[in-house]
Structures are given as C-alpha cells and as structure tokens.
C-alpha atoms as a PDB file:
ATOM      1  CA  UNK A   1      50.242  24.970 -47.019  1.00  0.00           C
ATOM      2  CA  UNK A   2      47.249  26.272 -44.550  1.00  0.00           C
ATOM      3  CA  UNK A   3      45.290  23.411 -47.419  1.00  0.00           C
ATOM      4  CA  UNK A   4      47.220  20.599 -47.207  1.00  0.00           C
ATOM      5  CA  UNK A   5      47.171  20.918 -43.021  1.00  0.00           C
ATOM      6  CA  UNK A   6      43.681  20.405 -43.291  1.00  0.00           C
ATOM      7  CA  UNK A   7      43.122  17.905 -45.970  1.00  0.00           C
ATOM      8  CA  UNK A   8      45.876  16.081 -43.513  1.00  0.00           C
ATOM      9  CA  UNK A   9      43.457  16.240 -40.642  1.00  0.00           C
ATOM     10  CA  UNK A  10      40.596  15.231 -42.017  1.00  0.00           C
ATOM     11  CA  UNK A  11      42.223  12.664 -43.341  1.00  0.00           C
ATOM     12  CA  UNK A  12      43.084  11.234 -40.259  1.00  0.00           C
ATOM     13  CA  UNK A  13      39.980  12.460 -38.520  1.00  0.00           C
ATOM     14  CA  UNK A  14      38.221   9.824 -41.163  1.00  0.00           C
ATOM     15  CA  UNK A  15      40.155   7.030 -40.891  1.00  0.00           C
ATOM     16  CA  UNK A  16      39.807   7.188 -37.262  1.00  0.00           C
ATOM     17  CA  UNK A  17      35.940   7.037 -37.429  1.00  0.00           C
ATOM     18  CA  UNK A  18      36.363   4.475 -40.050  1.00  0.00           C
ATOM     19  CA  UNK A  19      39.256   2.211 -37.640  1.00  0.00           C
ATOM     20  CA  UNK A  20      36.227   3.506 -34.641  1.00  0.00           C
ATOM     21  CA  UNK A  21      33.096   3.054 -36.341  1.00  0.00           C
ATOM     22  CA  UNK A  22      33.027  -0.767 -36.019  1.00  0.00           C
ATOM     23  CA  UNK A  23      33.766  -0.692 -32.366  1.00  0.00           C
ATOM     24  CA  UNK A  24      30.976   2.485 -32.095  1.00  0.00           C
ATOM     25  CA  UNK A  25      28.218   0.355 -33.656  1.00  0.00           C
ATOM     26  CA  UNK A  26      29.157  -2.610 -31.801  1.00  0.00           C
ATOM     27  CA  UNK A  27      29.170  -0.664 -28.539  1.00  0.00           C
ATOM     28  CA  UNK A  28      25.812   0.626 -29.590  1.00  0.00           C
ATOM     29  CA  UNK A  29      24.143  -2.994 -30.458  1.00  0.00           C
ATOM     30  CA  UNK A  30      25.591  -3.735 -27.077  1.00  0.00           C
ATOM     31  CA  UNK A  31      23.827  -1.454 -25.093  1.00  0.00           C
ATOM     32  CA  UNK A  32      20.463  -1.859 -27.037  1.00  0.00           C
ATOM     33  CA  UNK A  33      20.136  -5.196 -26.988  1.00  0.00           C
ATOM     34  CA  UNK A  34      21.892  -5.752 -23.185  1.00  0.00           C
ATOM     35  CA  UNK A  35      19.412  -2.970 -21.952  1.00  0.00           C
ATOM     36  CA  UNK A  36      16.381  -5.175 -23.326  1.00  0.00           C
ATOM     37  CA  UNK A  37      18.409  -8.322 -22.005  1.00  0.00           C
ATOM     38  CA  UNK A  38      18.315  -6.693 -18.538  1.00  0.00           C
ATOM     39  CA  UNK A  39      14.609  -5.796 -17.988  1.00  0.00           C
ATOM     40  CA  UNK A  40      14.163  -9.399 -19.122  1.00  0.00           C
ATOM     41  CA  UNK A  41      16.344 -11.181 -16.694  1.00  0.00           C
ATOM     42  CA  UNK A  42      14.892  -8.635 -14.000  1.00  0.00           C
ATOM     43  CA  UNK A  43      11.493  -9.754 -14.656  1.00  0.00           C
ATOM     44  CA  UNK A  44      12.543 -13.338 -14.572  1.00  0.00           C
ATOM     45  CA  UNK A  45      14.351 -13.053 -11.351  1.00  0.00           C
ATOM     46  CA  UNK A  46      11.227 -10.927  -9.786  1.00  0.00           C
ATOM     47  CA  UNK A  47       8.505 -13.550 -11.528  1.00  0.00           C
ATOM     48  CA  UNK A  48      11.059 -16.058  -8.693  1.00  0.00           C
ATOM     49  CA  UNK A  49      11.104 -13.883  -5.914  1.00  0.00           C
ATOM     50  CA  UNK A  50       7.660 -13.222  -6.271  1.00  0.00           C
ATOM     51  CA  UNK A  51       6.659 -16.952  -5.472  1.00  0.00           C
ATOM     52  CA  UNK A  52       9.218 -16.625  -2.602  1.00  0.00           C
ATOM     53  CA  UNK A  53       8.293 -16.288   1.272  1.00  0.00           C
ATOM     54  CA  UNK A  54      10.651 -12.806   1.151  1.00  0.00           C
ATOM     55  CA  UNK A  55       9.543  -9.921   2.214  1.00  0.00           C
ATOM     56  CA  UNK A  56       6.959  -7.682   0.290  1.00  0.00           C
ATOM     57  CA  UNK A  57       8.592  -4.531   1.178  1.00  0.00           C
ATOM     58  CA  UNK A  58      12.276  -5.764   0.259  1.00  0.00           C
ATOM     59  CA  UNK A  59      11.125  -6.835  -3.493  1.00  0.00           C
ATOM     60  CA  UNK A  60      11.243  -3.092  -5.139  1.00  0.00           C
ATOM     61  CA  UNK A  61      14.361  -2.654  -3.376  1.00  0.00           C
ATOM     62  CA  UNK A  62      15.905  -6.123  -5.191  1.00  0.00           C
ATOM     63  CA  UNK A  63      14.639  -4.922  -8.329  1.00  0.00           C
ATOM     64  CA  UNK A  64      16.192  -1.211  -8.212  1.00  0.00           C
ATOM     65  CA  UNK A  65      19.471  -3.086  -6.812  1.00  0.00           C
ATOM     66  CA  UNK A  66      19.170  -5.264 -10.001  1.00  0.00           C
ATOM     67  CA  UNK A  67      18.591  -3.057 -12.101  1.00  0.00           C
ATOM     68  CA  UNK A  68      21.118  -0.840 -10.950  1.00  0.00           C
ATOM     69  CA  UNK A  69      23.710  -3.570 -10.638  1.00  0.00           C
ATOM     70  CA  UNK A  70      23.193  -4.789 -14.320  1.00  0.00           C
ATOM     71  CA  UNK A  71      23.345  -1.434 -15.969  1.00  0.00           C
ATOM     72  CA  UNK A  72      26.764  -0.648 -14.317  1.00  0.00           C
ATOM     73  CA  UNK A  73      28.076  -3.791 -15.804  1.00  0.00           C
ATOM     74  CA  UNK A  74      27.282  -3.197 -18.915  1.00  0.00           C
ATOM     75  CA  UNK A  75      28.257   0.342 -19.511  1.00  0.00           C
ATOM     76  CA  UNK A  76      31.424  -0.779 -17.974  1.00  0.00           C
ATOM     77  CA  UNK A  77      32.192  -3.918 -20.335  1.00  0.00           C
ATOM     78  CA  UNK A  78      30.904  -0.894 -23.531  1.00  0.00           C
ATOM     79  CA  UNK A  79      33.499   1.182 -22.397  1.00  0.00           C
ATOM     80  CA  UNK A  80      36.058  -1.893 -22.032  1.00  0.00           C
ATOM     81  CA  UNK A  81      35.582  -2.433 -25.721  1.00  0.00           C
ATOM     82  CA  UNK A  82      35.579   1.380 -26.825  1.00  0.00           C
ATOM     83  CA  UNK A  83      39.114   0.668 -25.438  1.00  0.00           C
ATOM     84  CA  UNK A  84      38.818   3.621 -22.478  1.00  0.00           C
ATOM     85  CA  UNK A  85      40.427   2.910 -19.668  1.00  0.00           C
ATOM     86  CA  UNK A  86      37.946   2.108 -16.452  1.00  0.00           C
ATOM     87  CA  UNK A  87      40.439   2.107 -13.498  1.00  0.00           C
ATOM     88  CA  UNK A  88      40.871   6.097 -13.492  1.00  0.00           C
ATOM     89  CA  UNK A  89      36.974   6.316 -13.458  1.00  0.00           C
ATOM     90  CA  UNK A  90      36.704   3.599 -11.336  1.00  0.00           C
ATOM     91  CA  UNK A  91      38.913   5.663  -9.029  1.00  0.00           C
ATOM     92  CA  UNK A  92      37.113   9.066  -9.374  1.00  0.00           C
ATOM     93  CA  UNK A  93      33.669   6.920  -8.681  1.00  0.00           C
ATOM     94  CA  UNK A  94      34.704   5.693  -5.780  1.00  0.00           C
ATOM     95  CA  UNK A  95      36.237   9.242  -4.365  1.00  0.00           C
ATOM     96  CA  UNK A  96      32.954  10.761  -5.406  1.00  0.00           C
ATOM     97  CA  UNK A  97      31.439   7.850  -3.345  1.00  0.00           C
ATOM     98  CA  UNK A  98      33.422   8.532  -0.687  1.00  0.00           C
ATOM     99  CA  UNK A  99      32.861  12.712  -0.739  1.00  0.00           C
ATOM    100  CA  UNK A 100      28.854  12.069  -0.852  1.00  0.00           C
ATOM    101  CA  UNK A 101      28.952   9.686   1.629  1.00  0.00           C
ATOM    102  CA  UNK A 102      30.752  12.328   3.966  1.00  0.00           C
ATOM    103  CA  UNK A 103      28.404  14.606   3.289  1.00  0.00           C
ATOM    104  CA  UNK A 104      25.317  12.564   3.610  1.00  0.00           C
ATOM    105  CA  UNK A 105      26.399  10.805   7.027  1.00  0.00           C
ATOM    106  CA  UNK A 106      23.019  11.182   8.323  1.00  0.00           C
ATOM    107  CA  UNK A 107      20.974  10.087   5.317  1.00  0.00           C
ATOM    108  CA  UNK A 108      23.430   6.994   5.310  1.00  0.00           C
ATOM    109  CA  UNK A 109      22.614   5.954   8.919  1.00  0.00           C
ATOM    110  CA  UNK A 110      19.072   6.111   7.513  1.00  0.00           C
ATOM    111  CA  UNK A 111      19.543   4.172   4.729  1.00  0.00           C
ATOM    112  CA  UNK A 112      21.888   1.214   6.199  1.00  0.00           C
ATOM    113  CA  UNK A 113      18.682   1.258   9.499  1.00  0.00           C
ATOM    114  CA  UNK A 114      16.400   0.443   6.319  1.00  0.00           C
ATOM    115  CA  UNK A 115      18.388  -2.425   5.093  1.00  0.00           C
ATOM    116  CA  UNK A 116      18.591  -3.269   8.803  1.00  0.00           C
ATOM    117  CA  UNK A 117      14.100  -3.636   9.246  1.00  0.00           C
ATOM    118  CA  UNK A 118      14.106  -5.205   5.660  1.00  0.00           C
ATOM    119  CA  UNK A 119      16.269  -8.381   6.951  1.00  0.00           C
ATOM    120  CA  UNK A 120      15.104  -8.628  10.475  1.00  0.00           C
ATOM    121  CA  UNK A 121      11.450  -7.281  10.020  1.00  0.00           C
ATOM    122  CA  UNK A 122      10.366  -6.315  13.714  1.00  0.00           C
ATOM    123  CA  UNK A 123       7.398  -5.063  12.401  1.00  0.00           C
ATOM    124  CA  UNK A 124       5.379  -5.215   8.381  1.00  0.00           C
ATOM    125  CA  UNK A 125       3.044  -2.956   6.515  1.00  0.00           C
ATOM    126  CA  UNK A 126      -0.076  -2.581   8.395  1.00  0.00           C
ATOM    127  CA  UNK A 127       0.941  -3.373  11.971  1.00  0.00           C
ATOM    128  CA  UNK A 128       0.121  -1.291  14.887  1.00  0.00           C
ATOM    129  CA  UNK A 129       3.056  -0.038  16.200  1.00  0.00           C
ATOM    130  CA  UNK A 130       5.029   2.479  18.806  1.00  0.00           C
ATOM    131  CA  UNK A 131       7.858   4.237  18.634  1.00  0.00           C
ATOM    132  CA  UNK A 132       9.485   7.659  18.872  1.00  0.00           C
ATOM    133  CA  UNK A 133       6.650   8.674  20.691  1.00  0.00           C
ATOM    134  CA  UNK A 134       4.906   7.992  17.635  1.00  0.00           C
ATOM    135  CA  UNK A 135       1.733   5.088  17.121  1.00  0.00           C
ATOM    136  CA  UNK A 136      -0.252   3.673  14.017  1.00  0.00           C
ATOM    137  CA  UNK A 137      -0.760   1.703  11.325  1.00  0.00           C
ATOM    138  CA  UNK A 138       2.953   1.396   9.375  1.00  0.00           C
ATOM    139  CA  UNK A 139       1.283   2.142   5.584  1.00  0.00           C
ATOM    140  CA  UNK A 140       5.129   1.711   3.889  1.00  0.00           C
ATOM    141  CA  UNK A 141       8.465   1.230   5.105  1.00  0.00           C
ATOM    142  CA  UNK A 142      10.825   3.396   2.326  1.00  0.00           C
ATOM    143  CA  UNK A 143      14.763   3.031   2.441  1.00  0.00           C
ATOM    144  CA  UNK A 144      15.391   6.613   4.821  1.00  0.00           C
ATOM    145  CA  UNK A 145      11.877   6.426   6.227  1.00  0.00           C
ATOM    146  CA  UNK A 146       8.806   4.102   7.981  1.00  0.00           C
ATOM    147  CA  UNK A 147       5.759   5.973   7.038  1.00  0.00           C
ATOM    148  CA  UNK A 148       2.707   5.564   9.660  1.00  0.00           C
ATOM    149  CA  UNK A 149      -0.648   6.773  10.340  1.00  0.00           C
ATOM    150  CA  UNK A 150      -1.779   7.284  13.431  1.00  0.00           C
ATOM    151  CA  UNK A 151      -5.583   7.060  14.837  1.00  0.00           C
ATOM    152  CA  UNK A 152      -5.845  10.992  14.265  1.00  0.00           C
ATOM    153  CA  UNK A 153      -5.427  10.093  10.268  1.00  0.00           C
ATOM    154  CA  UNK A 154      -2.209  12.225   9.904  1.00  0.00           C
ATOM    155  CA  UNK A 155       0.798  10.653   7.829  1.00  0.00           C
ATOM    156  CA  UNK A 156       3.973  10.317   9.982  1.00  0.00           C
ATOM    157  CA  UNK A 157       7.352   9.871   8.259  1.00  0.00           C
ATOM    158  CA  UNK A 158      10.062   8.601  11.196  1.00  0.00           C
ATOM    159  CA  UNK A 159      13.461   8.061  10.110  1.00  0.00           C
ATOM    160  CA  UNK A 160      14.523   4.582  10.068  1.00  0.00           C
ATOM    161  CA  UNK A 161      17.812   5.528  12.214  1.00  0.00           C
ATOM    162  CA  UNK A 162      15.451   6.811  15.138  1.00  0.00           C
ATOM    163  CA  UNK A 163      13.226   3.871  15.003  1.00  0.00           C
ATOM    164  CA  UNK A 164      15.972   1.136  14.327  1.00  0.00           C
ATOM    165  CA  UNK A 165      18.114   2.324  17.711  1.00  0.00           C
ATOM    166  CA  UNK A 166      14.797   3.029  19.977  1.00  0.00           C
ATOM    167  CA  UNK A 167      12.250   0.493  21.704  1.00  0.00           C
ATOM    168  CA  UNK A 168       9.910  -0.674  19.317  1.00  0.00           C
ATOM    169  CA  UNK A 169       6.282  -1.916  20.396  1.00  0.00           C
ATOM    170  CA  UNK A 170       4.610  -3.868  18.011  1.00  0.00           C
ATOM    171  CA  UNK A 171       0.826  -4.409  19.141  1.00  0.00           C
ATOM    172  CA  UNK A 172       0.442  -6.814  15.448  1.00  0.00           C
ATOM    173  CA  UNK A 173       2.169  -9.944  16.235  1.00  0.00           C
ATOM    174  CA  UNK A 174      -0.352 -11.460  18.702  1.00  0.00           C
ATOM    175  CA  UNK A 175      -4.369 -11.053  17.760  1.00  0.00           C
ATOM    176  CA  UNK A 176      -5.134  -9.414  20.894  1.00  0.00           C
ATOM    177  CA  UNK A 177      -4.620  -6.237  23.029  1.00  0.00           C
ATOM    178  CA  UNK A 178      -4.906  -5.451  26.361  1.00  0.00           C
ATOM    179  CA  UNK A 179      -6.135  -2.005  27.348  1.00  0.00           C
ATOM    180  CA  UNK A 180      -5.605  -0.438  31.395  1.00  0.00           C
ATOM    181  CA  UNK A 181      -7.022   2.069  33.209  1.00  0.00           C
ATOM    182  CA  UNK A 182      -7.529   2.741  36.722  1.00  0.00           C
ATOM    183  CA  UNK A 183     -10.877   3.761  39.637  1.00  0.00           C
ATOM    184  CA  UNK A 184     -10.507   5.072  42.307  1.00  0.00           C
ATOM    185  CA  UNK A 185     -12.934   4.079  45.033  1.00  0.00           C
ATOM    186  CA  UNK A 186     -12.998   4.787  49.140  1.00  0.00           C
ATOM    187  CA  UNK A 187     -12.068   2.598  51.904  1.00  0.00           C
ATOM    188  CA  UNK A 188     -15.748   1.957  52.533  1.00  0.00           C
ATOM    189  CA  UNK A 189     -16.988   0.271  50.097  1.00  0.00           C
ATOM    190  CA  UNK A 190     -16.889  -3.369  49.359  1.00  0.00           C
ATOM    191  CA  UNK A 191     -14.201  -4.668  46.939  1.00  0.00           C
ATOM    192  CA  UNK A 192     -16.266  -7.443  46.138  1.00  0.00           C
ATOM    193  CA  UNK A 193     -19.197  -5.929  45.351  1.00  0.00           C
ATOM    194  CA  UNK A 194     -17.542  -2.998  43.049  1.00  0.00           C
ATOM    195  CA  UNK A 195     -15.494  -6.276  41.422  1.00  0.00           C
ATOM    196  CA  UNK A 196     -18.855  -7.944  40.364  1.00  0.00           C
ATOM    197  CA  UNK A 197     -20.934  -4.471  39.425  1.00  0.00           C
ATOM    198  CA  UNK A 198     -18.148  -3.856  37.117  1.00  0.00           C
ATOM    199  CA  UNK A 199     -17.250  -7.146  35.733  1.00  0.00           C
ATOM    200  CA  UNK A 200     -21.217  -7.501  35.051  1.00  0.00           C
ATOM    201  CA  UNK A 201     -20.756  -4.355  33.091  1.00  0.00           C
ATOM    202  CA  UNK A 202     -17.950  -4.922  31.062  1.00  0.00           C
ATOM    203  CA  UNK A 203     -18.907  -8.167  29.822  1.00  0.00           C
ATOM    204  CA  UNK A 204     -21.711  -6.571  28.479  1.00  0.00           C
ATOM    205  CA  UNK A 205     -19.814  -3.808  26.091  1.00  0.00           C
ATOM    206  CA  UNK A 206     -19.226  -3.716  22.820  1.00  0.00           C
ATOM    207  CA  UNK A 207     -15.322  -4.455  21.681  1.00  0.00           C
ATOM    208  CA  UNK A 208     -14.496  -6.229  24.303  1.00  0.00           C
ATOM    209  CA  UNK A 209     -13.691  -9.773  23.762  1.00  0.00           C
ATOM    210  CA  UNK A 210     -15.244 -12.287  26.388  1.00  0.00           C
ATOM    211  CA  UNK A 211     -12.105 -14.585  26.231  1.00  0.00           C
ATOM    212  CA  UNK A 212      -9.661 -13.220  28.337  1.00  0.00           C
ATOM    213  CA  UNK A 213     -12.266 -11.907  30.631  1.00  0.00           C
ATOM    214  CA  UNK A 214     -11.479  -8.761  31.906  1.00  0.00           C
ATOM    215  CA  UNK A 215      -9.027  -8.309  35.478  1.00  0.00           C
ATOM    216  CA  UNK A 216      -9.884  -6.307  38.326  1.00  0.00           C
ATOM    217  CA  UNK A 217      -7.660  -5.950  40.957  1.00  0.00           C
ATOM    218  CA  UNK A 218      -6.610  -3.977  44.254  1.00  0.00           C
ATOM    219  CA  UNK A 219      -3.415  -2.031  42.563  1.00  0.00           C
ATOM    220  CA  UNK A 220      -2.279   0.029  45.247  1.00  0.00           C
ATOM    221  CA  UNK A 221      -3.796   1.682  48.666  1.00  0.00           C
ATOM    222  CA  UNK A 222      -3.832   5.542  48.387  1.00  0.00           C
ATOM    223  CA  UNK A 223      -3.993   7.604  51.346  1.00  0.00           C
ATOM    224  CA  UNK A 224      -7.804   7.995  51.268  1.00  0.00           C
ATOM    225  CA  UNK A 225      -8.953   5.623  48.332  1.00  0.00           C
ATOM    226  CA  UNK A 226      -8.219   1.913  46.946  1.00  0.00           C
ATOM    227  CA  UNK A 227      -7.383   2.316  43.737  1.00  0.00           C
ATOM    228  CA  UNK A 228      -8.589  -0.459  41.323  1.00  0.00           C
ATOM    229  CA  UNK A 229      -6.879  -1.698  38.383  1.00  0.00           C
ATOM    230  CA  UNK A 230      -8.975  -2.201  35.158  1.00  0.00           C
ATOM    231  CA  UNK A 231      -7.916  -4.738  32.406  1.00  0.00           C
ATOM    232  CA  UNK A 232      -9.302  -5.621  29.182  1.00  0.00           C
ATOM    233  CA  UNK A 233      -8.740  -7.104  26.107  1.00  0.00           C
ATOM    234  CA  UNK A 234     -10.000  -6.066  22.399  1.00  0.00           C
ATOM    235  CA  UNK A 235      -9.157  -6.468  19.007  1.00  0.00           C
ATOM    236  CA  UNK A 236      -6.158  -4.257  18.049  1.00  0.00           C
ATOM    237  CA  UNK A 237      -8.290  -2.026  15.356  1.00  0.00           C
ATOM    238  CA  UNK A 238     -10.710  -1.717  18.302  1.00  0.00           C
ATOM    239  CA  UNK A 239      -8.218  -0.531  20.275  1.00  0.00           C
ATOM    240  CA  UNK A 240      -9.234   3.443  20.977  1.00  0.00           C
ATOM    241  CA  UNK A 241     -13.127   2.712  20.449  1.00  0.00           C
ATOM    242  CA  UNK A 242     -12.839  -0.101  23.118  1.00  0.00           C
ATOM    243  CA  UNK A 243     -11.190   1.627  25.887  1.00  0.00           C
ATOM    244  CA  UNK A 244     -13.525   4.570  25.883  1.00  0.00           C
ATOM    245  CA  UNK A 245     -16.684   2.059  25.933  1.00  0.00           C
ATOM    246  CA  UNK A 246     -14.580   0.219  28.633  1.00  0.00           C
ATOM    247  CA  UNK A 247     -14.536   3.221  30.273  1.00  0.00           C
ATOM    248  CA  UNK A 248     -17.638   4.903  29.869  1.00  0.00           C
ATOM    249  CA  UNK A 249     -19.335   1.299  31.105  1.00  0.00           C
ATOM    250  CA  UNK A 250     -16.879   1.385  34.543  1.00  0.00           C
ATOM    251  CA  UNK A 251     -18.426   4.940  35.088  1.00  0.00           C
ATOM    252  CA  UNK A 252     -22.410   3.862  34.168  1.00  0.00           C
ATOM    253  CA  UNK A 253     -22.438   1.114  36.211  1.00  0.00           C
ATOM    254  CA  UNK A 254     -20.731   2.916  38.934  1.00  0.00           C
ATOM    255  CA  UNK A 255     -23.810   5.718  39.024  1.00  0.00           C
ATOM    256  CA  UNK A 256     -26.386   3.367  38.666  1.00  0.00           C
ATOM    257  CA  UNK A 257     -25.548   1.049  41.453  1.00  0.00           C
ATOM    258  CA  UNK A 258     -24.745   4.144  43.966  1.00  0.00           C
ATOM    259  CA  UNK A 259     -21.045   2.960  44.430  1.00  0.00           C
ATOM    260  CA  UNK A 260     -19.483   6.537  46.635  1.00  0.00           C
ATOM    261  CA  UNK A 261     -16.316   8.417  45.248  1.00  0.00           C
ATOM    262  CA  UNK A 262     -13.787  10.165  47.035  1.00  0.00           C
ATOM    263  CA  UNK A 263     -13.619  14.052  46.344  1.00  0.00           C
ATOM    264  CA  UNK A 264     -11.438  16.655  47.119  1.00  0.00           C
ATOM    265  CA  UNK A 265      -8.254  14.331  48.225  1.00  0.00           C
ATOM    266  CA  UNK A 266     -10.909  12.060  50.116  1.00  0.00           C
ATOM    267  CA  UNK A 267     -12.368  14.483  52.270  1.00  0.00           C
ATOM    268  CA  UNK A 268     -15.571  14.272  51.138  1.00  0.00           C
ATOM    269  CA  UNK A 269     -17.745  11.881  49.779  1.00  0.00           C
ATOM    270  CA  UNK A 270     -20.427  11.848  47.007  1.00  0.00           C
ATOM    271  CA  UNK A 271     -22.812  10.172  44.925  1.00  0.00           C
ATOM    272  CA  UNK A 272     -20.987   9.468  41.206  1.00  0.00           C
ATOM    273  CA  UNK A 273     -24.138   9.809  38.432  1.00  0.00           C
ATOM    274  CA  UNK A 274     -24.571   7.689  36.106  1.00  0.00           C
END
C-alpha cells in the first residue's frame, strides 16, 4: 500500500515536471537573453545620453535606474510566464518599501535633495562652493552626499538634505572672485596719500588681477581710527594665496612709507615695521 502511494506521488511529480519543464526552460532562456538585451539597450541609450548636454553627474544615476527598471520588468514578465501570481508579490514589495521608507526617512530626504541638486544644478563637479560653514572644491555629487575637498586638503562629506535647504555660495560661476580686508589708520594720516601708496603696492602684487583694479575706500570712522576697506580681485583657484599676498603687500607698503598706526586703542602712535 505504501509502495503504491509513493509510486503515485512520483508519477504526479514527473507529470508536473513534464508539464512545467517547457515553461521553466522558456523562463530561463528569456532571463538569459533578456539580461543580455538589457545590457545592450542600456549601452545604446547611454551612448545617446553621452552626446547630449545632460549633466555628467546625473549619467551614472540614469544608467543605474535604467538597469534596475528593465530588470524588474523582465523578472515580472518571467513570473507571469511561470504562472506565478504577481499581485501578492507587488503588494508585499509595496509594504516592504513603505516600512523601509519609514525607517530611513532621513536618508530618503537626502536622496530627494540629491535628485533636486541633479535637476537644478546649483553647482557641478569642480566648482568651489561654500555651504554649511564649509568651503572647497566639489569632488563628487552622490545621491545622498556631496563630497568636497577644502583648501587644507581634507575630504568633507555633506548630506544633500543639509545643502539643499541651506544657502549655497558658488564662487565658480564667474571667472573672478573679490577678496576684502580692512586696515586701521589714525586720523592724522592723509587718506589720499595712503590710498596711492596701497594702490601702487597692490598693482605690483602677484596673483592679483589688474582688471578690475583694487578698490580702497573709507569704510568707517572709528573712535580712534579711520577704517579702510580694501578690495582686490583674483582667480578663484588663487583665492587663498592672493589674499595673503595682498595683506602682506599692504603691511610692507605702510611700513616702508612710514604710515603710523594706532596702538592701545588709539592712545599711542607708533611706527609700523616693514
């Protein structure tokens, strides 16, 4: 009796295998061919994208999206061929996606901000930006973070959600950048004289642009001193070096020409060294 039951089960199993074998072979063939076709289709699409004016930062994202989208469609098609009910699977996938989304709300916010950065492009790779009290050159724009390298040669990762909701200063949009600093001189010094001295010194300073010319004006009248506002221009890549060269040139010019400075809150006057 037991032998007959086993034989019946084996017979049913063989019949099921014979019935489903063509579908299984067809499904496997479709998967193998489908993956190869998807690879070629994505390749040709990306070839067209490469010739377009689409931002370089969004191209890897588009490639990944196309790969995933086409493969998901292929897998659902194969499941339908095998007779697998996909509606329950889709519902489970949606529930799982919702649960993951609730668990990673912050990450999804950064992802959405990353997509907005890709879309509106407030900055690109290679641009010099200031954001979240950090500044430097953009090395990479990722889905969740923006990677910048500051002038201290440090790599900084800033979450895209923090960037997109903050003020972004992009110094690379225009060719030149303006640098500003102040100098205090006593009321007894003649402004025109000091201005000419500083203009001549800055005109001979390396890394500072000849056009636009440096600007020197009276910024404020302090209790004991006149505060001069000095503005010079340089290339963005020379920003830090140009600033230090300009301040050194001003200090040197004041010292050589004997311009007095205010010490101890203006009570004493003394020479400034070269």
